Amino acid sequence: MSFGLDPCEWLQFSVESYADYLEDRLSLRKAVACCVFVNHLPEHLVAKYGSSDPGKLHGFASVEAYRGYLLTAEPALTVIRDLCDYAKHGPTLGRKSVTVTKTEQSAALELDAWAGMTGFYNHRRVKKLIVTHKDGSEGWLENYLRKTLEFWKGEFSAMAL
């Protein structure tokens, strides 16, 4: 490892990167950075535990096998992988498992956070990055990132890292 980072430090970078992204939800730079950190956690985990303690990786010793498990354990990781690969390789990907077709800014109505406390329900229009899938479904990028980070925190906790 050229930077000498262990998986826990890589997870911390992912968490910090997500916090940065939430401060500016339209920043493609921050979105890509967060996707890269989250998407590369499997490589760091396999590098550290693949040969010494594959039990921490549900018995998988290779990146490909571990990633296969992860993509079924947390489907949001598939979305993040697609976005990360698009950022790295350009507008076309050859993987058959690609589900994402585009990401764009879109306006959405969001319930005001104070509504539950005050009893006055108010909506506000916000712009966010929306991910569109081949089947036409859509989701907010921040939700995919949140799900993946919650998943990773649970995995790290189970591994006792």
N, C-alpha and C. Protein backbone atom coordinates (compact mmCIF):
# COMPACT_ATOMS: atom_id res chain seq x y z
N MET A 1 0.84 -1.18 0.00
CA MET A 1 0.00 0.00 0.00
C MET A 1 0.88 1.24 0.00
N SER A 2 0.71 2.02 -1.02
CA SER A 2 1.59 3.16 -1.17
C SER A 2 1.39 4.24 -0.11
N PHE A 3 0.22 4.36 0.44
CA PHE A 3 -0.02 5.36 1.47
C PHE A 3 -0.01 4.77 2.87
N GLY A 4 0.07 3.46 2.97
CA GLY A 4 0.11 2.81 4.27
C GLY A 4 -1.19 2.90 5.04
N LEU A 5 -2.31 3.03 4.34
CA LEU A 5 -3.62 3.15 5.00
C LEU A 5 -4.20 1.77 5.27
N ASP A 6 -4.76 1.61 6.46
CA ASP A 6 -5.45 0.36 6.72
C ASP A 6 -6.94 0.55 6.43
N PRO A 7 -7.73 -0.52 6.38
CA PRO A 7 -9.15 -0.40 6.04
C PRO A 7 -9.93 0.55 6.95
N CYS A 8 -9.60 0.60 8.22
CA CYS A 8 -10.32 1.51 9.13
C CYS A 8 -10.09 2.96 8.74
N GLU A 9 -8.87 3.29 8.35
CA GLU A 9 -8.59 4.65 7.90
C GLU A 9 -9.32 4.95 6.59
N TRP A 10 -9.39 3.94 5.71
CA TRP A 10 -10.09 4.11 4.44
C TRP A 10 -11.58 4.34 4.69
N LEU A 11 -12.16 3.61 5.65
CA LEU A 11 -13.56 3.83 6.01
C LEU A 11 -13.75 5.24 6.57
N GLN A 12 -12.83 5.69 7.40
CA GLN A 12 -12.93 7.04 7.95
C GLN A 12 -12.88 8.09 6.84
N PHE A 13 -12.01 7.89 5.85
CA PHE A 13 -11.99 8.80 4.70
C PHE A 13 -13.34 8.79 3.98
N SER A 14 -13.95 7.62 3.88
CA SER A 14 -15.26 7.51 3.23
C SER A 14 -16.30 8.31 3.99
N VAL A 15 -16.30 8.19 5.31
CA VAL A 15 -17.26 8.90 6.15
C VAL A 15 -17.04 10.41 6.03
N GLU A 16 -15.80 10.84 6.09
CA GLU A 16 -15.48 12.27 5.97
C GLU A 16 -15.85 12.80 4.58
N SER A 17 -15.60 12.00 3.56
CA SER A 17 -15.93 12.39 2.20
C SER A 17 -17.45 12.54 2.03
N TYR A 18 -18.21 11.67 2.66
CA TYR A 18 -19.67 11.75 2.61
C TYR A 18 -20.15 13.03 3.30
N ALA A 19 -19.57 13.36 4.43
CA ALA A 19 -19.93 14.59 5.13
C ALA A 19 -19.63 15.81 4.26
N ASP A 20 -18.48 15.80 3.57
CA ASP A 20 -18.15 16.89 2.65
C ASP A 20 -19.19 16.98 1.54
N TYR A 21 -19.57 15.83 1.00
CA TYR A 21 -20.55 15.80 -0.08
C TYR A 21 -21.89 16.38 0.38
N LEU A 22 -22.32 16.02 1.59
CA LEU A 22 -23.61 16.51 2.09
C LEU A 22 -23.64 18.03 2.24
N GLU A 23 -22.48 18.65 2.40
CA GLU A 23 -22.41 20.11 2.49
C GLU A 23 -22.64 20.77 1.13
N ASP A 24 -22.41 20.00 0.06
CA ASP A 24 -22.57 20.53 -1.30
C ASP A 24 -23.04 19.40 -2.20
N ARG A 25 -24.33 19.09 -2.11
CA ARG A 25 -24.91 17.91 -2.78
C ARG A 25 -24.89 17.98 -4.30
N LEU A 26 -24.52 19.11 -4.87
CA LEU A 26 -24.44 19.22 -6.32
C LEU A 26 -23.00 19.16 -6.83
N SER A 27 -22.06 18.99 -5.94
CA SER A 27 -20.65 18.94 -6.33
C SER A 27 -20.30 17.57 -6.90
N LEU A 28 -20.03 17.54 -8.19
CA LEU A 28 -19.63 16.28 -8.81
C LEU A 28 -18.27 15.81 -8.28
N ARG A 29 -17.39 16.74 -7.99
CA ARG A 29 -16.08 16.38 -7.44
C ARG A 29 -16.23 15.64 -6.12
N LYS A 30 -17.07 16.19 -5.25
CA LYS A 30 -17.28 15.55 -3.95
C LYS A 30 -18.03 14.23 -4.09
N ALA A 31 -18.96 14.16 -5.03
CA ALA A 31 -19.69 12.92 -5.26
C ALA A 31 -18.76 11.82 -5.76
N VAL A 32 -17.91 12.16 -6.74
CA VAL A 32 -16.97 11.17 -7.28
C VAL A 32 -15.98 10.74 -6.21
N ALA A 33 -15.46 11.68 -5.44
CA ALA A 33 -14.50 11.33 -4.38
C ALA A 33 -15.11 10.35 -3.39
N CYS A 34 -16.33 10.61 -2.99
CA CYS A 34 -17.01 9.73 -2.03
C CYS A 34 -17.23 8.35 -2.65
N CYS A 35 -17.67 8.30 -3.89
CA CYS A 35 -17.87 7.01 -4.57
C CYS A 35 -16.57 6.22 -4.65
N VAL A 36 -15.47 6.90 -4.95
CA VAL A 36 -14.17 6.22 -5.05
C VAL A 36 -13.77 5.63 -3.70
N PHE A 37 -13.89 6.40 -2.64
CA PHE A 37 -13.53 5.87 -1.32
C PHE A 37 -14.37 4.65 -0.96
N VAL A 38 -15.69 4.76 -1.13
CA VAL A 38 -16.59 3.67 -0.76
C VAL A 38 -16.35 2.44 -1.64
N ASN A 39 -16.17 2.66 -2.92
CA ASN A 39 -16.01 1.56 -3.86
C ASN A 39 -14.71 0.77 -3.66
N HIS A 40 -13.69 1.39 -3.11
CA HIS A 40 -12.40 0.71 -2.99
C HIS A 40 -12.16 0.06 -1.63
N LEU A 41 -13.12 0.12 -0.75
CA LEU A 41 -12.97 -0.57 0.53
C LEU A 41 -12.73 -2.07 0.37
N PRO A 42 -13.40 -2.77 -0.55
CA PRO A 42 -13.14 -4.21 -0.68
C PRO A 42 -11.68 -4.54 -0.98
N GLU A 43 -11.04 -3.75 -1.83
CA GLU A 43 -9.64 -4.00 -2.16
C GLU A 43 -8.75 -3.88 -0.92
N HIS A 44 -9.02 -2.88 -0.10
CA HIS A 44 -8.23 -2.68 1.11
C HIS A 44 -8.46 -3.80 2.12
N LEU A 45 -9.70 -4.24 2.22
CA LEU A 45 -10.00 -5.33 3.15
C LEU A 45 -9.37 -6.64 2.69
N VAL A 46 -9.46 -6.94 1.41
CA VAL A 46 -8.86 -8.17 0.89
C VAL A 46 -7.34 -8.12 1.00
N ALA A 47 -6.75 -6.97 0.75
CA ALA A 47 -5.29 -6.84 0.88
C ALA A 47 -4.85 -7.15 2.30
N LYS A 48 -5.65 -6.74 3.28
CA LYS A 48 -5.26 -6.95 4.68
C LYS A 48 -5.64 -8.33 5.20
N TYR A 49 -6.83 -8.83 4.83
CA TYR A 49 -7.34 -10.05 5.45
C TYR A 49 -7.53 -11.23 4.50
N GLY A 50 -7.42 -11.01 3.21
CA GLY A 50 -7.70 -12.08 2.25
C GLY A 50 -6.91 -13.35 2.47
N SER A 51 -5.62 -13.21 2.77
CA SER A 51 -4.80 -14.40 3.00
C SER A 51 -4.60 -14.72 4.47
N SER A 52 -4.70 -13.72 5.34
CA SER A 52 -4.42 -13.96 6.76
C SER A 52 -5.66 -14.32 7.57
N ASP A 53 -6.82 -13.79 7.21
CA ASP A 53 -8.04 -14.04 7.98
C ASP A 53 -9.29 -13.86 7.11
N PRO A 54 -9.48 -14.73 6.08
CA PRO A 54 -10.63 -14.57 5.18
C PRO A 54 -11.98 -14.72 5.89
N GLY A 55 -11.99 -15.24 7.09
CA GLY A 55 -13.23 -15.31 7.85
C GLY A 55 -13.84 -13.94 8.07
N LYS A 56 -12.99 -12.92 8.18
CA LYS A 56 -13.49 -11.55 8.34
C LYS A 56 -14.21 -11.08 7.08
N LEU A 57 -13.94 -11.77 5.97
CA LEU A 57 -14.52 -11.40 4.67
C LEU A 57 -15.55 -12.44 4.23
N HIS A 58 -16.21 -13.04 5.19
CA HIS A 58 -17.21 -14.06 4.93
C HIS A 58 -16.62 -15.24 4.17
N GLY A 59 -15.33 -15.49 4.36
CA GLY A 59 -14.65 -16.62 3.75
C GLY A 59 -14.07 -16.36 2.38
N PHE A 60 -14.22 -15.16 1.86
CA PHE A 60 -13.72 -14.86 0.52
C PHE A 60 -12.30 -14.31 0.59
N ALA A 61 -11.43 -14.83 -0.27
CA ALA A 61 -10.02 -14.43 -0.23
C ALA A 61 -9.61 -13.56 -1.42
N SER A 62 -10.47 -13.47 -2.45
CA SER A 62 -10.13 -12.64 -3.61
C SER A 62 -11.08 -11.45 -3.69
N VAL A 63 -10.62 -10.41 -4.33
CA VAL A 63 -11.45 -9.20 -4.49
C VAL A 63 -12.72 -9.53 -5.28
N GLU A 64 -12.57 -10.30 -6.36
CA GLU A 64 -13.73 -10.61 -7.20
C GLU A 64 -14.79 -11.38 -6.42
N ALA A 65 -14.37 -12.39 -5.66
CA ALA A 65 -15.33 -13.20 -4.89
C ALA A 65 -15.97 -12.37 -3.79
N TYR A 66 -15.17 -11.57 -3.08
CA TYR A 66 -15.70 -10.74 -2.01
C TYR A 66 -16.66 -9.70 -2.55
N ARG A 67 -16.30 -9.10 -3.69
CA ARG A 67 -17.18 -8.10 -4.31
C ARG A 67 -18.50 -8.75 -4.74
N GLY A 68 -18.43 -9.98 -5.24
CA GLY A 68 -19.65 -10.69 -5.61
C GLY A 68 -20.59 -10.85 -4.43
N TYR A 69 -20.03 -11.20 -3.28
CA TYR A 69 -20.84 -11.31 -2.06
C TYR A 69 -21.42 -9.94 -1.69
N LEU A 70 -20.58 -8.91 -1.72
CA LEU A 70 -21.00 -7.58 -1.29
C LEU A 70 -22.14 -7.02 -2.13
N LEU A 71 -22.09 -7.27 -3.43
CA LEU A 71 -23.10 -6.71 -4.32
C LEU A 71 -24.48 -7.32 -4.08
N THR A 72 -24.51 -8.52 -3.52
CA THR A 72 -25.81 -9.10 -3.15
C THR A 72 -26.19 -8.72 -1.72
N ALA A 73 -25.19 -8.52 -0.85
CA ALA A 73 -25.46 -8.16 0.55
C ALA A 73 -26.00 -6.73 0.66
N GLU A 74 -25.51 -5.82 -0.18
CA GLU A 74 -25.98 -4.42 -0.15
C GLU A 74 -26.06 -3.92 -1.59
N PRO A 75 -27.26 -3.95 -2.19
CA PRO A 75 -27.43 -3.55 -3.59
C PRO A 75 -26.96 -2.13 -3.90
N ALA A 76 -26.96 -1.23 -2.94
CA ALA A 76 -26.49 0.14 -3.19
C ALA A 76 -25.01 0.15 -3.60
N LEU A 77 -24.26 -0.87 -3.19
CA LEU A 77 -22.86 -0.95 -3.58
C LEU A 77 -22.72 -1.13 -5.10
N THR A 78 -23.70 -1.76 -5.74
CA THR A 78 -23.68 -1.90 -7.20
C THR A 78 -23.77 -0.53 -7.85
N VAL A 79 -24.63 0.32 -7.33
CA VAL A 79 -24.80 1.67 -7.87
C VAL A 79 -23.51 2.46 -7.71
N ILE A 80 -22.93 2.40 -6.52
CA ILE A 80 -21.69 3.14 -6.27
C ILE A 80 -20.57 2.63 -7.16
N ARG A 81 -20.50 1.31 -7.35
CA ARG A 81 -19.47 0.76 -8.24
C ARG A 81 -19.67 1.28 -9.66
N ASP A 82 -20.91 1.28 -10.15
CA ASP A 82 -21.18 1.80 -11.49
C ASP A 82 -20.72 3.25 -11.61
N LEU A 83 -21.09 4.08 -10.65
CA LEU A 83 -20.73 5.50 -10.71
C LEU A 83 -19.22 5.68 -10.64
N CYS A 84 -18.56 4.93 -9.80
CA CYS A 84 -17.11 5.01 -9.69
C CYS A 84 -16.45 4.59 -11.00
N ASP A 85 -16.93 3.50 -11.59
CA ASP A 85 -16.36 3.02 -12.85
C ASP A 85 -16.62 3.99 -13.99
N TYR A 86 -17.81 4.61 -14.03
CA TYR A 86 -18.07 5.63 -15.05
C TYR A 86 -17.09 6.80 -14.90
N ALA A 87 -16.84 7.22 -13.66
CA ALA A 87 -15.91 8.33 -13.42
C ALA A 87 -14.50 7.97 -13.89
N LYS A 88 -14.14 6.72 -13.74
CA LYS A 88 -12.78 6.29 -14.08
C LYS A 88 -12.64 5.94 -15.56
N HIS A 89 -13.64 5.28 -16.14
CA HIS A 89 -13.50 4.72 -17.48
C HIS A 89 -14.25 5.46 -18.58
N GLY A 90 -15.10 6.40 -18.21
CA GLY A 90 -15.81 7.16 -19.22
C GLY A 90 -17.25 6.72 -19.39
N PRO A 91 -17.86 7.17 -20.50
CA PRO A 91 -19.31 7.05 -20.65
C PRO A 91 -19.85 5.65 -20.95
N THR A 92 -19.01 4.69 -21.26
CA THR A 92 -19.53 3.34 -21.53
C THR A 92 -18.79 2.32 -20.69
N LEU A 93 -19.56 1.38 -20.16
CA LEU A 93 -18.99 0.29 -19.37
C LEU A 93 -19.42 -1.03 -19.98
N GLY A 94 -18.50 -2.00 -20.00
CA GLY A 94 -18.79 -3.30 -20.60
C GLY A 94 -19.35 -4.33 -19.65
N ARG A 95 -19.32 -4.05 -18.34
CA ARG A 95 -19.84 -5.03 -17.36
C ARG A 95 -21.32 -5.27 -17.57
N LYS A 96 -21.74 -6.52 -17.58
CA LYS A 96 -23.16 -6.84 -17.75
C LYS A 96 -23.99 -6.42 -16.55
N SER A 97 -23.36 -6.28 -15.38
CA SER A 97 -24.10 -5.96 -14.15
C SER A 97 -24.40 -4.47 -13.99
N VAL A 98 -23.99 -3.63 -14.94
CA VAL A 98 -24.21 -2.19 -14.82
C VAL A 98 -25.70 -1.89 -14.82
N THR A 99 -26.15 -1.11 -13.83
CA THR A 99 -27.56 -0.75 -13.74
C THR A 99 -27.80 0.73 -13.99
N VAL A 100 -26.78 1.56 -13.81
CA VAL A 100 -26.92 3.02 -13.91
C VAL A 100 -26.82 3.46 -15.36
N THR A 101 -27.72 4.37 -15.77
CA THR A 101 -27.64 4.94 -17.11
C THR A 101 -27.17 6.39 -17.09
N LYS A 102 -27.56 7.13 -16.04
CA LYS A 102 -27.11 8.52 -15.97
C LYS A 102 -27.29 9.06 -14.56
N THR A 103 -26.60 10.15 -14.33
CA THR A 103 -26.73 10.90 -13.08
C THR A 103 -26.84 12.37 -13.47
N GLU A 104 -27.81 13.05 -12.88
CA GLU A 104 -28.01 14.45 -13.23
C GLU A 104 -28.59 15.21 -12.05
N GLN A 105 -28.51 16.51 -12.14
CA GLN A 105 -29.14 17.35 -11.13
C GLN A 105 -30.64 17.37 -11.38
N SER A 106 -31.38 17.33 -10.30
CA SER A 106 -32.83 17.39 -10.42
C SER A 106 -33.40 18.04 -9.17
N ALA A 107 -34.50 18.73 -9.35
CA ALA A 107 -35.17 19.35 -8.21
C ALA A 107 -36.16 18.35 -7.62
N ALA A 108 -36.26 18.39 -6.30
CA ALA A 108 -37.18 17.49 -5.60
C ALA A 108 -37.79 18.25 -4.43
N LEU A 109 -38.98 17.82 -4.04
CA LEU A 109 -39.60 18.38 -2.84
C LEU A 109 -39.14 17.57 -1.65
N GLU A 110 -38.77 18.29 -0.59
CA GLU A 110 -38.29 17.64 0.62
C GLU A 110 -39.05 18.22 1.80
N LEU A 111 -39.45 17.36 2.71
CA LEU A 111 -40.15 17.82 3.91
C LEU A 111 -39.18 18.61 4.77
N ASP A 112 -39.62 19.76 5.22
CA ASP A 112 -38.81 20.60 6.08
C ASP A 112 -38.51 19.87 7.39
N ALA A 113 -37.28 19.90 7.83
CA ALA A 113 -36.85 19.18 9.03
C ALA A 113 -37.58 19.65 10.29
N TRP A 114 -38.03 20.89 10.32
CA TRP A 114 -38.71 21.43 11.51
C TRP A 114 -40.17 21.01 11.57
N ALA A 115 -40.68 20.44 10.52
CA ALA A 115 -42.11 20.14 10.45
C ALA A 115 -42.59 19.26 11.59
N GLY A 116 -41.87 18.21 11.89
CA GLY A 116 -42.30 17.29 12.94
C GLY A 116 -42.30 17.91 14.32
N MET A 117 -41.40 18.84 14.55
CA MET A 117 -41.29 19.46 15.87
C MET A 117 -42.31 20.57 16.08
N THR A 118 -42.66 21.25 15.00
CA THR A 118 -43.56 22.40 15.14
C THR A 118 -45.00 22.06 14.82
N GLY A 119 -45.24 20.97 14.10
CA GLY A 119 -46.59 20.62 13.69
C GLY A 119 -47.01 21.30 12.41
N PHE A 120 -46.17 22.19 11.88
CA PHE A 120 -46.44 22.87 10.61
C PHE A 120 -45.64 22.17 9.52
N TYR A 121 -46.36 21.55 8.64
CA TYR A 121 -45.68 20.81 7.58
C TYR A 121 -45.43 21.72 6.39
N ASN A 122 -44.20 21.77 6.01
CA ASN A 122 -43.78 22.63 4.93
C ASN A 122 -42.80 21.85 4.06
N HIS A 123 -42.89 22.04 2.77
CA HIS A 123 -41.95 21.42 1.86
C HIS A 123 -41.07 22.50 1.24
N ARG A 124 -39.90 22.08 0.86
CA ARG A 124 -39.01 23.01 0.16
C ARG A 124 -38.45 22.30 -1.06
N ARG A 125 -38.17 23.05 -2.07
CA ARG A 125 -37.61 22.51 -3.30
C ARG A 125 -36.09 22.54 -3.17
N VAL A 126 -35.47 21.37 -3.38
CA VAL A 126 -34.02 21.26 -3.29
C VAL A 126 -33.51 20.60 -4.56
N LYS A 127 -32.28 20.93 -4.91
CA LYS A 127 -31.64 20.27 -6.04
C LYS A 127 -30.69 19.20 -5.48
N LYS A 128 -30.73 18.05 -6.12
CA LYS A 128 -29.88 16.92 -5.69
C LYS A 128 -29.41 16.18 -6.93
N LEU A 129 -28.43 15.30 -6.72
CA LEU A 129 -27.99 14.43 -7.80
C LEU A 129 -28.88 13.19 -7.80
N ILE A 130 -29.51 12.95 -8.93
CA ILE A 130 -30.42 11.83 -9.11
C ILE A 130 -29.73 10.79 -9.99
N VAL A 131 -29.80 9.54 -9.58
CA VAL A 131 -29.25 8.42 -10.34
C VAL A 131 -30.40 7.73 -11.05
N THR A 132 -30.28 7.55 -12.37
CA THR A 132 -31.30 6.86 -13.15
C THR A 132 -30.76 5.50 -13.57
N HIS A 133 -31.61 4.48 -13.44
CA HIS A 133 -31.22 3.10 -13.76
C HIS A 133 -31.81 2.67 -15.09
N LYS A 134 -31.29 1.57 -15.63
CA LYS A 134 -31.76 1.05 -16.91
C LYS A 134 -33.25 0.77 -16.91
N ASP A 135 -33.79 0.37 -15.75
CA ASP A 135 -35.21 0.06 -15.68
C ASP A 135 -36.09 1.30 -15.50
N GLY A 136 -35.47 2.49 -15.51
CA GLY A 136 -36.20 3.73 -15.38
C GLY A 136 -36.36 4.22 -13.94
N SER A 137 -36.04 3.40 -12.97
CA SER A 137 -36.15 3.84 -11.58
C SER A 137 -35.06 4.87 -11.28
N GLU A 138 -35.33 5.66 -10.26
CA GLU A 138 -34.40 6.72 -9.87
C GLU A 138 -34.19 6.71 -8.36
N GLY A 139 -33.07 7.27 -7.95
CA GLY A 139 -32.79 7.43 -6.53
C GLY A 139 -31.80 8.56 -6.32
N TRP A 140 -31.81 9.10 -5.12
CA TRP A 140 -30.87 10.17 -4.79
C TRP A 140 -29.51 9.56 -4.49
N LEU A 141 -28.47 10.15 -5.03
CA LEU A 141 -27.12 9.67 -4.79
C LEU A 141 -26.82 9.63 -3.29
N GLU A 142 -27.24 10.65 -2.56
CA GLU A 142 -26.92 10.69 -1.13
C GLU A 142 -27.49 9.49 -0.39
N ASN A 143 -28.64 8.98 -0.84
CA ASN A 143 -29.23 7.80 -0.18
C ASN A 143 -28.42 6.55 -0.47
N TYR A 144 -27.92 6.40 -1.70
CA TYR A 144 -27.08 5.25 -2.02
C TYR A 144 -25.79 5.29 -1.20
N LEU A 145 -25.21 6.47 -1.10
CA LEU A 145 -23.98 6.60 -0.31
C LEU A 145 -24.24 6.32 1.17
N ARG A 146 -25.33 6.84 1.69
CA ARG A 146 -25.68 6.61 3.10
C ARG A 146 -25.84 5.11 3.37
N LYS A 147 -26.57 4.43 2.49
CA LYS A 147 -26.78 2.99 2.67
C LYS A 147 -25.48 2.22 2.65
N THR A 148 -24.59 2.59 1.74
CA THR A 148 -23.32 1.85 1.67
C THR A 148 -22.47 2.11 2.91
N LEU A 149 -22.46 3.33 3.40
CA LEU A 149 -21.68 3.61 4.60
C LEU A 149 -22.26 2.93 5.83
N GLU A 150 -23.58 2.89 5.93
CA GLU A 150 -24.20 2.15 7.04
C GLU A 150 -23.83 0.68 6.95
N PHE A 151 -23.86 0.14 5.74
CA PHE A 151 -23.47 -1.26 5.54
C PHE A 151 -22.03 -1.49 5.98
N TRP A 152 -21.12 -0.62 5.51
CA TRP A 152 -19.70 -0.80 5.85
C TRP A 152 -19.46 -0.67 7.34
N LYS A 153 -20.13 0.26 7.99
CA LYS A 153 -19.96 0.39 9.44
C LYS A 153 -20.40 -0.89 10.14
N GLY A 154 -21.49 -1.50 9.69
CA GLY A 154 -21.94 -2.76 10.25
C GLY A 154 -20.95 -3.88 9.99
N GLU A 155 -20.40 -3.93 8.79
CA GLU A 155 -19.40 -4.95 8.45
C GLU A 155 -18.16 -4.80 9.32
N PHE A 156 -17.69 -3.58 9.48
CA PHE A 156 -16.49 -3.35 10.29
C PHE A 156 -16.74 -3.70 11.74
N SER A 157 -17.95 -3.41 12.20
CA SER A 157 -18.30 -3.75 13.57
C SER A 157 -18.31 -5.28 13.76
N ALA A 158 -18.90 -5.99 12.79
CA ALA A 158 -18.95 -7.45 12.86
C ALA A 158 -17.55 -8.06 12.78
N MET A 159 -16.64 -7.41 12.06
CA MET A 159 -15.27 -7.89 11.95
C MET A 159 -14.44 -7.52 13.18
N ALA A 160 -15.02 -6.69 14.04
CA ALA A 160 -14.31 -6.19 15.23
C ALA A 160 -13.07 -5.42 14.84
N LEU A 161 -13.22 -4.52 13.84
CA LEU A 161 -12.09 -3.70 13.39
C LEU A 161 -12.12 -2.36 14.11
